[in-house]
Amino acid sequence: MARYTEAVCKICRREGDKLYLKGDRCYTQKCALERRDYPPGEHGRRRRKVSDYALQLREKQKLRRMYGVLEKQFRIYCRKASRRRGLTGEILLQFLEGRLDNVVYRAGFCPSRASARQMVGHGHFRVNGRRVDIPSYLVSPDDVVEARPKESTKQWIKRFSKTSARRPLPEWLSVDVENYKATVLRLPKREEIAVTVDESSVIELYSK
C-alpha cells in the first residue's frame, strides 16, 4: 500500500486549511499553517487563476487526505454513495466517518487519524468483542468499539488524553472513558460532521 512519508504539515499548507494530521501540534502556534498560510514551494506566494476544475480537485484532495484514503478506495466510496438513496455527498461523508480508524480518532483514543490507523492495524481495538485490524472496516449503529484489555494499549490512550480532550465528542458516539469503550449510536448527520469541505464539488468532479 502506498504511504505518504514526507512532512504532513505541507499537506495542510497546500490545501489552505487545517486537516489536523499532526495531533497536538495542530492546536498550538507551532502549526505550520499558522506561521505560513500559503502553499509550500518557491512559487507558493504567487497569485494564480483558479478554474472550477481546480476548485473541485482541491476539495477532493482535502477530503481524501483528511481521512487518509487512497484514490482508488476513495473512488469506490463515491461509487457506492451514488448508488444509495439520499444526498450522495452526505452518504460519502458517512462512509468516511464510519471507518474504524476514524471512529477511534473521534472517540478520543488517538491524537490523529494516522495514529488511529496504526493502532487499529496492530490489533489494539475490538468491535463487538472481536479483534479487527482493518482500518477501513465500516462500523454500524449499535456497534461497540473498545480497546483491548492490555496495559500497553491503555497507557497509549492515556498518554494522548490531553490532545483528545480538545476535540468535541460527536453526538453520534457514546464514549465510556474509564473502560476505553465507544458505542456507535447512529449514522452522523451532515451538520455533525466537522469537516470544512464542499462535498457537492467532489461528487460533481467524479460525475464528469
N, C-alpha and C. Protein backbone atom coordinates (compact mmCIF):
# COMPACT_ATOMS: atom_id res chain seq x y z
N MET A 1 0.85 -1.19 0.00
CA MET A 1 0.00 0.00 0.00
C MET A 1 0.88 1.25 0.00
N ALA A 2 0.53 2.23 -0.82
CA ALA A 2 1.30 3.47 -0.88
C ALA A 2 1.15 4.22 0.43
N ARG A 3 2.21 4.91 0.81
CA ARG A 3 2.19 5.63 2.08
C ARG A 3 2.94 6.94 1.92
N TYR A 4 2.32 8.02 2.38
CA TYR A 4 2.96 9.34 2.33
C TYR A 4 3.96 9.43 3.48
N THR A 5 5.22 9.74 3.15
CA THR A 5 6.27 9.73 4.17
C THR A 5 6.91 11.10 4.39
N GLU A 6 6.43 12.12 3.69
CA GLU A 6 7.00 13.45 3.87
C GLU A 6 6.28 14.20 4.98
N ALA A 7 6.65 15.46 5.20
CA ALA A 7 6.06 16.26 6.27
C ALA A 7 4.57 16.49 6.00
N VAL A 8 3.71 16.07 6.92
CA VAL A 8 2.27 16.18 6.71
C VAL A 8 1.79 17.63 6.82
N CYS A 9 2.57 18.48 7.47
CA CYS A 9 2.18 19.90 7.57
C CYS A 9 2.15 20.57 6.20
N LYS A 10 2.91 20.05 5.24
CA LYS A 10 2.88 20.58 3.89
C LYS A 10 1.52 20.36 3.25
N ILE A 11 0.86 19.27 3.64
CA ILE A 11 -0.46 18.97 3.08
C ILE A 11 -1.46 20.04 3.49
N CYS A 12 -1.44 20.40 4.77
CA CYS A 12 -2.36 21.44 5.26
C CYS A 12 -2.10 22.77 4.55
N ARG A 13 -0.83 23.11 4.35
CA ARG A 13 -0.48 24.36 3.67
C ARG A 13 -0.93 24.31 2.22
N ARG A 14 -0.79 23.16 1.60
CA ARG A 14 -1.20 23.04 0.19
C ARG A 14 -2.71 23.19 0.03
N GLU A 15 -3.47 22.63 0.98
CA GLU A 15 -4.92 22.71 0.89
C GLU A 15 -5.47 24.00 1.49
N GLY A 16 -4.63 24.75 2.21
CA GLY A 16 -5.06 26.02 2.78
C GLY A 16 -6.05 25.88 3.92
N ASP A 17 -6.02 24.74 4.61
CA ASP A 17 -6.95 24.51 5.72
C ASP A 17 -6.32 23.52 6.68
N LYS A 18 -6.71 23.62 7.94
CA LYS A 18 -6.21 22.68 8.95
C LYS A 18 -6.90 21.33 8.78
N LEU A 19 -6.10 20.30 8.55
CA LEU A 19 -6.64 18.95 8.41
C LEU A 19 -6.39 18.12 9.66
N TYR A 20 -5.70 18.69 10.63
CA TYR A 20 -5.43 18.05 11.93
C TYR A 20 -4.75 16.69 11.74
N LEU A 21 -3.65 16.72 11.00
CA LEU A 21 -2.91 15.49 10.70
C LEU A 21 -1.78 15.25 11.69
N LYS A 22 -1.47 16.25 12.53
CA LYS A 22 -0.29 16.17 13.38
C LYS A 22 -0.63 16.03 14.86
N GLY A 23 -1.90 15.88 15.19
CA GLY A 23 -2.26 15.71 16.58
C GLY A 23 -2.16 16.98 17.39
N ASP A 24 -1.43 16.95 18.49
CA ASP A 24 -1.34 18.07 19.43
C ASP A 24 -0.75 19.32 18.79
N ARG A 25 0.17 19.15 17.87
CA ARG A 25 0.83 20.29 17.23
C ARG A 25 -0.16 21.20 16.50
N CYS A 26 -1.24 20.63 15.97
CA CYS A 26 -2.22 21.41 15.21
C CYS A 26 -2.97 22.41 16.07
N TYR A 27 -2.96 22.21 17.39
CA TYR A 27 -3.70 23.10 18.30
C TYR A 27 -2.81 24.17 18.92
N THR A 28 -1.55 24.23 18.50
CA THR A 28 -0.61 25.19 19.07
C THR A 28 -0.14 26.17 17.99
N GLN A 29 0.67 27.15 18.41
CA GLN A 29 1.24 28.12 17.49
C GLN A 29 2.33 27.51 16.60
N LYS A 30 2.71 26.27 16.89
CA LYS A 30 3.70 25.60 16.07
C LYS A 30 3.13 25.08 14.76
N CYS A 31 1.83 25.13 14.64
CA CYS A 31 1.17 24.68 13.42
C CYS A 31 1.73 25.43 12.22
N ALA A 32 2.13 24.71 11.19
CA ALA A 32 2.76 25.32 10.02
C ALA A 32 1.82 26.29 9.31
N LEU A 33 0.52 26.00 9.34
CA LEU A 33 -0.44 26.87 8.66
C LEU A 33 -0.60 28.20 9.40
N GLU A 34 -0.38 28.20 10.71
CA GLU A 34 -0.45 29.43 11.49
C GLU A 34 0.72 30.36 11.15
N ARG A 35 1.87 29.76 10.87
CA ARG A 35 3.07 30.56 10.59
C ARG A 35 3.21 30.93 9.12
N ARG A 36 2.80 30.02 8.22
CA ARG A 36 2.93 30.26 6.78
C ARG A 36 1.65 29.80 6.10
N ASP A 37 0.72 30.70 5.94
CA ASP A 37 -0.59 30.35 5.39
C ASP A 37 -0.63 30.45 3.87
N TYR A 38 0.40 29.93 3.23
CA TYR A 38 0.46 29.90 1.77
C TYR A 38 1.03 28.54 1.36
N PRO A 39 0.77 28.09 0.12
CA PRO A 39 1.24 26.77 -0.31
C PRO A 39 2.76 26.65 -0.24
N PRO A 40 3.28 25.45 -0.02
CA PRO A 40 4.73 25.25 0.02
C PRO A 40 5.36 25.38 -1.36
N GLY A 41 6.66 25.56 -1.38
CA GLY A 41 7.37 25.70 -2.65
C GLY A 41 7.73 27.14 -2.95
N GLU A 42 8.65 27.33 -3.89
CA GLU A 42 9.14 28.68 -4.20
C GLU A 42 8.09 29.55 -4.88
N HIS A 43 7.05 28.92 -5.47
CA HIS A 43 6.01 29.70 -6.13
C HIS A 43 4.74 29.76 -5.30
N GLY A 44 4.85 29.42 -4.04
CA GLY A 44 3.66 29.33 -3.19
C GLY A 44 2.93 30.64 -2.99
N ARG A 45 3.65 31.76 -3.01
CA ARG A 45 3.01 33.05 -2.75
C ARG A 45 2.45 33.72 -4.00
N ARG A 46 2.62 33.10 -5.14
CA ARG A 46 2.12 33.70 -6.37
C ARG A 46 0.59 33.58 -6.44
N ARG A 47 -0.04 34.58 -6.97
CA ARG A 47 -1.48 34.54 -7.19
C ARG A 47 -1.75 33.85 -8.53
N ARG A 48 -2.67 32.91 -8.50
CA ARG A 48 -2.99 32.18 -9.72
C ARG A 48 -4.49 32.22 -9.98
N LYS A 49 -4.86 32.13 -11.25
CA LYS A 49 -6.25 31.99 -11.59
C LYS A 49 -6.68 30.56 -11.28
N VAL A 50 -7.80 30.42 -10.61
CA VAL A 50 -8.27 29.09 -10.21
C VAL A 50 -9.53 28.75 -10.99
N SER A 51 -9.48 27.66 -11.75
CA SER A 51 -10.62 27.22 -12.54
C SER A 51 -11.60 26.44 -11.67
N ASP A 52 -12.79 26.17 -12.22
CA ASP A 52 -13.78 25.38 -11.50
C ASP A 52 -13.26 23.97 -11.23
N TYR A 53 -12.57 23.42 -12.21
CA TYR A 53 -12.00 22.08 -12.03
C TYR A 53 -10.97 22.06 -10.91
N ALA A 54 -10.14 23.10 -10.85
CA ALA A 54 -9.12 23.17 -9.79
C ALA A 54 -9.76 23.25 -8.41
N LEU A 55 -10.85 24.01 -8.29
CA LEU A 55 -11.55 24.11 -7.02
C LEU A 55 -12.13 22.76 -6.60
N GLN A 56 -12.72 22.03 -7.56
CA GLN A 56 -13.27 20.71 -7.27
C GLN A 56 -12.17 19.72 -6.88
N LEU A 57 -11.05 19.80 -7.59
CA LEU A 57 -9.92 18.92 -7.30
C LEU A 57 -9.38 19.16 -5.90
N ARG A 58 -9.26 20.43 -5.51
CA ARG A 58 -8.74 20.76 -4.20
C ARG A 58 -9.67 20.24 -3.10
N GLU A 59 -10.99 20.35 -3.31
CA GLU A 59 -11.94 19.85 -2.33
C GLU A 59 -11.82 18.33 -2.19
N LYS A 60 -11.65 17.67 -3.32
CA LYS A 60 -11.48 16.21 -3.28
C LYS A 60 -10.21 15.81 -2.57
N GLN A 61 -9.11 16.47 -2.91
CA GLN A 61 -7.83 16.16 -2.29
C GLN A 61 -7.85 16.45 -0.79
N LYS A 62 -8.50 17.54 -0.41
CA LYS A 62 -8.61 17.88 1.00
C LYS A 62 -9.33 16.78 1.77
N LEU A 63 -10.45 16.32 1.24
CA LEU A 63 -11.24 15.29 1.90
C LEU A 63 -10.50 13.96 1.94
N ARG A 64 -9.85 13.62 0.86
CA ARG A 64 -9.13 12.35 0.78
C ARG A 64 -7.94 12.32 1.74
N ARG A 65 -7.21 13.43 1.80
CA ARG A 65 -6.05 13.49 2.67
C ARG A 65 -6.42 13.60 4.14
N MET A 66 -7.55 14.23 4.41
CA MET A 66 -8.01 14.36 5.79
C MET A 66 -8.27 12.99 6.42
N TYR A 67 -8.88 12.10 5.63
CA TYR A 67 -9.21 10.76 6.15
C TYR A 67 -8.14 9.72 5.83
N GLY A 68 -7.11 10.12 5.08
CA GLY A 68 -6.02 9.19 4.78
C GLY A 68 -6.43 8.07 3.86
N VAL A 69 -7.23 8.40 2.84
CA VAL A 69 -7.75 7.39 1.92
C VAL A 69 -7.06 7.53 0.56
N LEU A 70 -6.66 6.42 -0.02
CA LEU A 70 -6.04 6.46 -1.34
C LEU A 70 -7.08 6.70 -2.43
N GLU A 71 -6.62 7.10 -3.60
CA GLU A 71 -7.52 7.49 -4.68
C GLU A 71 -8.46 6.35 -5.10
N LYS A 72 -7.94 5.15 -5.23
CA LYS A 72 -8.76 4.02 -5.67
C LYS A 72 -9.89 3.74 -4.68
N GLN A 73 -9.55 3.73 -3.41
CA GLN A 73 -10.55 3.46 -2.39
C GLN A 73 -11.56 4.61 -2.30
N PHE A 74 -11.10 5.83 -2.50
CA PHE A 74 -12.00 6.97 -2.46
C PHE A 74 -13.01 6.91 -3.60
N ARG A 75 -12.58 6.47 -4.77
CA ARG A 75 -13.49 6.31 -5.90
C ARG A 75 -14.56 5.25 -5.60
N ILE A 76 -14.16 4.21 -4.91
CA ILE A 76 -15.11 3.16 -4.54
C ILE A 76 -16.18 3.71 -3.60
N TYR A 77 -15.76 4.53 -2.63
CA TYR A 77 -16.71 5.16 -1.71
C TYR A 77 -17.70 6.03 -2.49
N CYS A 78 -17.19 6.82 -3.45
CA CYS A 78 -18.06 7.69 -4.25
C CYS A 78 -19.03 6.87 -5.08
N ARG A 79 -18.57 5.76 -5.62
CA ARG A 79 -19.44 4.92 -6.44
C ARG A 79 -20.55 4.29 -5.58
N LYS A 80 -20.19 3.82 -4.40
CA LYS A 80 -21.18 3.23 -3.50
C LYS A 80 -22.19 4.28 -3.04
N ALA A 81 -21.70 5.48 -2.75
CA ALA A 81 -22.59 6.56 -2.28
C ALA A 81 -23.60 6.95 -3.36
N SER A 82 -23.17 6.93 -4.62
CA SER A 82 -24.06 7.32 -5.72
C SER A 82 -25.18 6.31 -5.95
N ARG A 83 -24.98 5.08 -5.48
CA ARG A 83 -25.98 4.03 -5.68
C ARG A 83 -27.04 4.01 -4.58
N ARG A 84 -26.82 4.76 -3.52
CA ARG A 84 -27.77 4.76 -2.41
C ARG A 84 -28.73 5.95 -2.51
N ARG A 85 -29.89 5.78 -1.91
CA ARG A 85 -30.88 6.86 -1.90
C ARG A 85 -30.46 7.94 -0.90
N GLY A 86 -30.72 9.19 -1.27
CA GLY A 86 -30.36 10.30 -0.39
C GLY A 86 -29.35 11.21 -1.05
N LEU A 87 -28.81 12.12 -0.25
CA LEU A 87 -27.81 13.05 -0.75
C LEU A 87 -26.46 12.33 -0.87
N THR A 88 -25.95 12.26 -2.07
CA THR A 88 -24.73 11.49 -2.33
C THR A 88 -23.55 12.02 -1.52
N GLY A 89 -23.42 13.34 -1.42
CA GLY A 89 -22.31 13.92 -0.67
C GLY A 89 -22.37 13.57 0.80
N GLU A 90 -23.55 13.61 1.40
CA GLU A 90 -23.70 13.27 2.81
C GLU A 90 -23.43 11.79 3.05
N ILE A 91 -23.88 10.94 2.14
CA ILE A 91 -23.62 9.50 2.27
C ILE A 91 -22.13 9.21 2.17
N LEU A 92 -21.44 9.93 1.28
CA LEU A 92 -19.99 9.77 1.15
C LEU A 92 -19.30 10.11 2.46
N LEU A 93 -19.70 11.21 3.09
CA LEU A 93 -19.10 11.60 4.37
C LEU A 93 -19.43 10.58 5.46
N GLN A 94 -20.61 9.98 5.41
CA GLN A 94 -20.97 8.95 6.39
C GLN A 94 -20.09 7.72 6.24
N PHE A 95 -19.75 7.36 4.99
CA PHE A 95 -18.82 6.26 4.75
C PHE A 95 -17.46 6.55 5.39
N LEU A 96 -16.97 7.76 5.17
CA LEU A 96 -15.65 8.13 5.69
C LEU A 96 -15.65 8.21 7.21
N GLU A 97 -16.74 8.76 7.78
CA GLU A 97 -16.84 8.85 9.23
C GLU A 97 -17.01 7.49 9.88
N GLY A 98 -17.60 6.55 9.14
CA GLY A 98 -17.86 5.23 9.69
C GLY A 98 -16.67 4.28 9.66
N ARG A 99 -15.55 4.73 9.08
CA ARG A 99 -14.35 3.89 9.10
C ARG A 99 -13.89 3.68 10.54
N LEU A 100 -13.38 2.51 10.83
CA LEU A 100 -12.98 2.19 12.20
C LEU A 100 -11.88 3.11 12.70
N ASP A 101 -10.90 3.45 11.86
CA ASP A 101 -9.83 4.33 12.32
C ASP A 101 -10.37 5.72 12.66
N ASN A 102 -11.38 6.19 11.90
CA ASN A 102 -11.96 7.50 12.21
C ASN A 102 -12.77 7.45 13.50
N VAL A 103 -13.48 6.35 13.74
CA VAL A 103 -14.26 6.21 14.97
C VAL A 103 -13.34 6.23 16.18
N VAL A 104 -12.21 5.55 16.08
CA VAL A 104 -11.22 5.54 17.17
C VAL A 104 -10.69 6.95 17.41
N TYR A 105 -10.46 7.69 16.32
CA TYR A 105 -9.99 9.08 16.43
C TYR A 105 -11.06 9.97 17.03
N ARG A 106 -12.29 9.88 16.54
CA ARG A 106 -13.38 10.70 17.04
C ARG A 106 -13.69 10.42 18.50
N ALA A 107 -13.50 9.19 18.92
CA ALA A 107 -13.76 8.82 20.31
C ALA A 107 -12.71 9.36 21.27
N GLY A 108 -11.60 9.87 20.72
CA GLY A 108 -10.56 10.45 21.56
C GLY A 108 -9.51 9.46 22.04
N PHE A 109 -9.44 8.29 21.39
CA PHE A 109 -8.47 7.28 21.80
C PHE A 109 -7.09 7.50 21.19
N CYS A 110 -7.01 8.32 20.13
CA CYS A 110 -5.75 8.59 19.45
C CYS A 110 -5.68 10.06 19.05
N PRO A 111 -4.49 10.63 18.96
CA PRO A 111 -4.35 12.06 18.66
C PRO A 111 -4.62 12.43 17.21
N SER A 112 -4.51 11.48 16.29
CA SER A 112 -4.72 11.77 14.87
C SER A 112 -5.26 10.51 14.18
N ARG A 113 -5.76 10.70 12.98
CA ARG A 113 -6.27 9.56 12.23
C ARG A 113 -5.14 8.62 11.81
N ALA A 114 -3.97 9.18 11.57
CA ALA A 114 -2.83 8.35 11.19
C ALA A 114 -2.43 7.41 12.33
N SER A 115 -2.38 7.93 13.54
CA SER A 115 -2.04 7.08 14.69
C SER A 115 -3.16 6.08 14.97
N ALA A 116 -4.42 6.50 14.75
CA ALA A 116 -5.55 5.58 14.92
C ALA A 116 -5.47 4.44 13.91
N ARG A 117 -5.09 4.78 12.68
CA ARG A 117 -4.95 3.75 11.64
C ARG A 117 -3.86 2.76 12.02
N GLN A 118 -2.78 3.25 12.60
CA GLN A 118 -1.68 2.37 13.02
C GLN A 118 -2.11 1.48 14.18
N MET A 119 -2.82 2.06 15.15
CA MET A 119 -3.26 1.28 16.31
C MET A 119 -4.25 0.19 15.90
N VAL A 120 -5.17 0.55 15.01
CA VAL A 120 -6.13 -0.45 14.53
C VAL A 120 -5.41 -1.55 13.76
N GLY A 121 -4.48 -1.15 12.90
CA GLY A 121 -3.74 -2.13 12.12
C GLY A 121 -2.92 -3.09 12.96
N HIS A 122 -2.51 -2.65 14.14
CA HIS A 122 -1.74 -3.50 15.05
C HIS A 122 -2.64 -4.31 15.99
N GLY A 123 -3.95 -4.22 15.79
CA GLY A 123 -4.87 -5.06 16.54
C GLY A 123 -5.15 -4.60 17.95
N HIS A 124 -5.10 -3.29 18.22
CA HIS A 124 -5.33 -2.78 19.57
C HIS A 124 -6.80 -2.55 19.89
N PHE A 125 -7.69 -2.74 18.91
CA PHE A 125 -9.11 -2.47 19.15
C PHE A 125 -9.98 -3.63 18.71
N ARG A 126 -11.15 -3.72 19.36
CA ARG A 126 -12.12 -4.76 19.05
C ARG A 126 -13.45 -4.12 18.69
N VAL A 127 -14.21 -4.82 17.86
CA VAL A 127 -15.56 -4.39 17.51
C VAL A 127 -16.52 -5.51 17.91
N ASN A 128 -17.41 -5.20 18.84
CA ASN A 128 -18.35 -6.19 19.37
C ASN A 128 -17.63 -7.43 19.92
N GLY A 129 -16.49 -7.17 20.58
CA GLY A 129 -15.73 -8.25 21.20
C GLY A 129 -14.81 -9.00 20.27
N ARG A 130 -14.81 -8.66 18.98
CA ARG A 130 -13.97 -9.36 18.01
C ARG A 130 -12.84 -8.46 17.55
N ARG A 131 -11.63 -8.99 17.52
CA ARG A 131 -10.46 -8.23 17.10
C ARG A 131 -10.57 -7.88 15.63
N VAL A 132 -10.43 -6.58 15.33
CA VAL A 132 -10.48 -6.10 13.94
C VAL A 132 -9.23 -5.28 13.69
N ASP A 133 -8.46 -5.66 12.69
CA ASP A 133 -7.22 -4.93 12.38
C ASP A 133 -7.27 -4.31 10.98
N ILE A 134 -8.48 -4.00 10.51
CA ILE A 134 -8.66 -3.36 9.20
C ILE A 134 -9.15 -1.94 9.43
N PRO A 135 -8.31 -0.93 9.20
CA PRO A 135 -8.71 0.47 9.46
C PRO A 135 -9.94 0.92 8.67
N SER A 136 -10.16 0.35 7.48
CA SER A 136 -11.28 0.77 6.64
C SER A 136 -12.58 0.03 6.99
N TYR A 137 -12.56 -0.79 8.01
CA TYR A 137 -13.76 -1.51 8.43
C TYR A 137 -14.87 -0.51 8.76
N LEU A 138 -16.06 -0.68 8.17
CA LEU A 138 -17.17 0.24 8.38
C LEU A 138 -18.04 -0.23 9.54
N VAL A 139 -18.16 0.62 10.55
CA VAL A 139 -18.99 0.29 11.71
C VAL A 139 -20.46 0.55 11.39
N SER A 140 -21.34 -0.03 12.17
CA SER A 140 -22.78 0.12 12.03
C SER A 140 -23.36 0.61 13.34
N PRO A 141 -24.59 1.17 13.30
CA PRO A 141 -25.24 1.57 14.56
C PRO A 141 -25.31 0.42 15.55
N ASP A 142 -25.08 0.74 16.82
CA ASP A 142 -25.07 -0.21 17.95
C ASP A 142 -23.78 -1.02 18.05
N ASP A 143 -22.82 -0.79 17.15
CA ASP A 143 -21.52 -1.46 17.28
C ASP A 143 -20.76 -0.86 18.46
N VAL A 144 -20.03 -1.71 19.16
CA VAL A 144 -19.23 -1.29 20.32
C VAL A 144 -17.75 -1.45 19.97
N VAL A 145 -17.03 -0.34 19.99
CA VAL A 145 -15.58 -0.33 19.72
C VAL A 145 -14.86 -0.14 21.05
N GLU A 146 -13.96 -1.06 21.37
CA GLU A 146 -13.25 -0.97 22.65
C GLU A 146 -11.79 -1.35 22.48
N ALA A 147 -10.96 -0.78 23.35
CA ALA A 147 -9.53 -1.10 23.33
C ALA A 147 -9.31 -2.47 23.94
N ARG A 148 -8.29 -3.17 23.49
CA ARG A 148 -8.00 -4.48 24.07
C ARG A 148 -7.56 -4.30 25.52
N PRO A 149 -7.79 -5.29 26.36
CA PRO A 149 -7.53 -5.14 27.80
C PRO A 149 -6.06 -5.23 28.20
N LYS A 150 -5.15 -4.83 27.33
CA LYS A 150 -3.73 -4.86 27.66
C LYS A 150 -3.31 -3.50 28.19
N GLU A 151 -2.42 -3.50 29.15
CA GLU A 151 -2.00 -2.27 29.80
C GLU A 151 -1.27 -1.34 28.84
N SER A 152 -0.53 -1.90 27.88
CA SER A 152 0.20 -1.07 26.92
C SER A 152 -0.75 -0.22 26.07
N THR A 153 -1.89 -0.80 25.69
CA THR A 153 -2.88 -0.07 24.91
C THR A 153 -3.49 1.05 25.74
N LYS A 154 -3.82 0.77 26.98
CA LYS A 154 -4.42 1.78 27.86
C LYS A 154 -3.45 2.92 28.15
N GLN A 155 -2.18 2.60 28.31
CA GLN A 155 -1.18 3.63 28.56
C GLN A 155 -1.03 4.55 27.35
N TRP A 156 -1.13 3.98 26.16
CA TRP A 156 -1.06 4.80 24.94
C TRP A 156 -2.21 5.79 24.89
N ILE A 157 -3.40 5.32 25.20
CA ILE A 157 -4.59 6.19 25.16
C ILE A 157 -4.48 7.29 26.22
N LYS A 158 -4.00 6.93 27.41
CA LYS A 158 -3.84 7.92 28.49
C LYS A 158 -2.82 8.99 28.10
N ARG A 159 -1.81 8.58 27.38
CA ARG A 159 -0.73 9.49 27.01
C ARG A 159 -1.23 10.67 26.19
N PHE A 160 -2.22 10.43 25.34
CA PHE A 160 -2.72 11.48 24.46
C PHE A 160 -4.10 11.96 24.86
N SER A 161 -4.49 11.76 26.10
CA SER A 161 -5.82 12.18 26.56
C SER A 161 -5.98 13.70 26.53
N LYS A 162 -4.90 14.45 26.77
CA LYS A 162 -4.99 15.91 26.76
C LYS A 162 -5.32 16.44 25.37
N THR A 163 -4.67 15.87 24.36
CA THR A 163 -4.96 16.28 22.99
C THR A 163 -6.39 15.94 22.62
N SER A 164 -6.84 14.75 22.99
CA SER A 164 -8.18 14.30 22.64
C SER A 164 -9.25 15.15 23.31
N ALA A 165 -8.94 15.67 24.51
CA ALA A 165 -9.92 16.47 25.24
C ALA A 165 -10.23 17.79 24.54
N ARG A 166 -9.34 18.24 23.65
CA ARG A 166 -9.57 19.49 22.93
C ARG A 166 -10.60 19.32 21.81
N ARG A 167 -10.85 18.10 21.40
CA ARG A 167 -11.80 17.85 20.33
C ARG A 167 -13.18 17.57 20.91
N PRO A 168 -14.22 18.19 20.37
CA PRO A 168 -15.58 17.91 20.86
C PRO A 168 -16.00 16.50 20.49
N LEU A 169 -16.69 15.84 21.39
CA LEU A 169 -17.16 14.48 21.14
C LEU A 169 -18.42 14.54 20.28
N PRO A 170 -18.45 13.83 19.15
CA PRO A 170 -19.65 13.87 18.29
C PRO A 170 -20.86 13.24 18.97
N GLU A 171 -22.04 13.74 18.62
CA GLU A 171 -23.26 13.28 19.27
C GLU A 171 -23.65 11.87 18.85
N TRP A 172 -23.13 11.40 17.75
CA TRP A 172 -23.49 10.06 17.29
C TRP A 172 -22.64 8.97 17.93
N LEU A 173 -21.74 9.38 18.83
CA LEU A 173 -20.91 8.43 19.57
C LEU A 173 -21.14 8.57 21.07
N SER A 174 -21.17 7.45 21.78
CA SER A 174 -21.21 7.45 23.24
C SER A 174 -19.93 6.80 23.74
N VAL A 175 -19.15 7.55 24.51
CA VAL A 175 -17.83 7.07 24.91
C VAL A 175 -17.77 6.84 26.42
N ASP A 176 -17.32 5.66 26.79
CA ASP A 176 -17.05 5.31 28.19
C ASP A 176 -15.55 5.43 28.40
N VAL A 177 -15.12 6.58 28.91
CA VAL A 177 -13.69 6.89 29.02
C VAL A 177 -12.98 5.92 29.95
N GLU A 178 -13.60 5.58 31.07
CA GLU A 178 -12.95 4.72 32.07
C GLU A 178 -12.70 3.31 31.54
N ASN A 179 -13.60 2.82 30.69
CA ASN A 179 -13.45 1.45 30.17
C ASN A 179 -12.93 1.42 28.73
N TYR A 180 -12.54 2.60 28.21
CA TYR A 180 -11.96 2.70 26.87
C TYR A 180 -12.89 2.06 25.83
N LYS A 181 -14.13 2.49 25.86
CA LYS A 181 -15.16 1.89 25.02
C LYS A 181 -16.00 2.98 24.37
N ALA A 182 -16.37 2.79 23.11
CA ALA A 182 -17.21 3.73 22.37
C ALA A 182 -18.33 2.96 21.68
N THR A 183 -19.55 3.50 21.77
CA THR A 183 -20.71 2.87 21.14
C THR A 183 -21.23 3.78 20.03
N VAL A 184 -21.43 3.21 18.86
CA VAL A 184 -21.96 3.95 17.72
C VAL A 184 -23.49 4.01 17.87
N LEU A 185 -24.02 5.19 18.16
CA LEU A 185 -25.46 5.33 18.38
C LEU A 185 -26.25 5.33 17.08
N ARG A 186 -25.71 5.98 16.07
CA ARG A 186 -26.40 6.10 14.78
C ARG A 186 -25.41 6.66 13.76
N LEU A 187 -25.86 6.76 12.51
CA LEU A 187 -25.05 7.38 11.48
C LEU A 187 -25.03 8.89 11.69
N PRO A 188 -23.91 9.55 11.46
CA PRO A 188 -23.85 11.01 11.69
C PRO A 188 -24.61 11.79 10.64
N LYS A 189 -25.18 12.92 11.05
CA LYS A 189 -25.82 13.84 10.11
C LYS A 189 -24.76 14.80 9.57
N ARG A 190 -25.07 15.47 8.47
CA ARG A 190 -24.08 16.35 7.84
C ARG A 190 -23.61 17.45 8.78
N GLU A 191 -24.53 18.04 9.54
CA GLU A 191 -24.15 19.13 10.43
C GLU A 191 -23.30 18.66 11.61
N GLU A 192 -23.26 17.35 11.83
CA GLU A 192 -22.46 16.80 12.92
C GLU A 192 -21.06 16.38 12.47
N ILE A 193 -20.81 16.46 11.18
CA ILE A 193 -19.50 16.06 10.63
C ILE A 193 -18.66 17.32 10.48
N ALA A 194 -17.68 17.47 11.34
CA ALA A 194 -16.89 18.71 11.40
C ALA A 194 -15.77 18.71 10.36
N VAL A 195 -16.16 18.85 9.09
CA VAL A 195 -15.17 19.00 8.02
C VAL A 195 -15.57 20.19 7.16
N THR A 196 -14.61 21.05 6.86
CA THR A 196 -14.87 22.24 6.05
C THR A 196 -14.62 21.93 4.57
N VAL A 197 -15.48 21.08 4.04
CA VAL A 197 -15.34 20.63 2.66
C VAL A 197 -16.69 20.76 1.96
N ASP A 198 -16.66 21.21 0.71
CA ASP A 198 -17.87 21.25 -0.11
C ASP A 198 -17.98 19.91 -0.82
N GLU A 199 -18.70 18.98 -0.21
CA GLU A 199 -18.78 17.62 -0.75
C GLU A 199 -19.50 17.56 -2.10
N SER A 200 -20.36 18.54 -2.38
CA SER A 200 -21.06 18.56 -3.67
C SER A 200 -20.08 18.76 -4.82
N SER A 201 -19.00 19.52 -4.57
CA SER A 201 -17.96 19.72 -5.59
C SER A 201 -17.22 18.42 -5.88
N VAL A 202 -17.04 17.61 -4.84
CA VAL A 202 -16.36 16.32 -5.01
C VAL A 202 -17.21 15.40 -5.87
N ILE A 203 -18.52 15.34 -5.58
CA ILE A 203 -19.42 14.49 -6.35
C ILE A 203 -19.50 14.96 -7.80
N GLU A 204 -19.52 16.28 -7.99
CA GLU A 204 -19.56 16.84 -9.34
C GLU A 204 -18.30 16.49 -10.13
N LEU A 205 -17.16 16.47 -9.43
CA LEU A 205 -15.90 16.13 -10.09
C LEU A 205 -15.93 14.71 -10.63
N TYR A 206 -16.46 13.77 -9.86
CA TYR A 206 -16.48 12.36 -10.28
C TYR A 206 -17.63 12.06 -11.23
N SER A 207 -18.60 12.96 -11.35
CA SER A 207 -19.72 12.71 -12.25
C SER A 207 -19.44 13.11 -13.69
N LYS A 208 -18.26 13.70 -13.92
CA LYS A 208 -17.91 14.14 -15.27
C LYS A 208 -17.52 12.95 -16.16
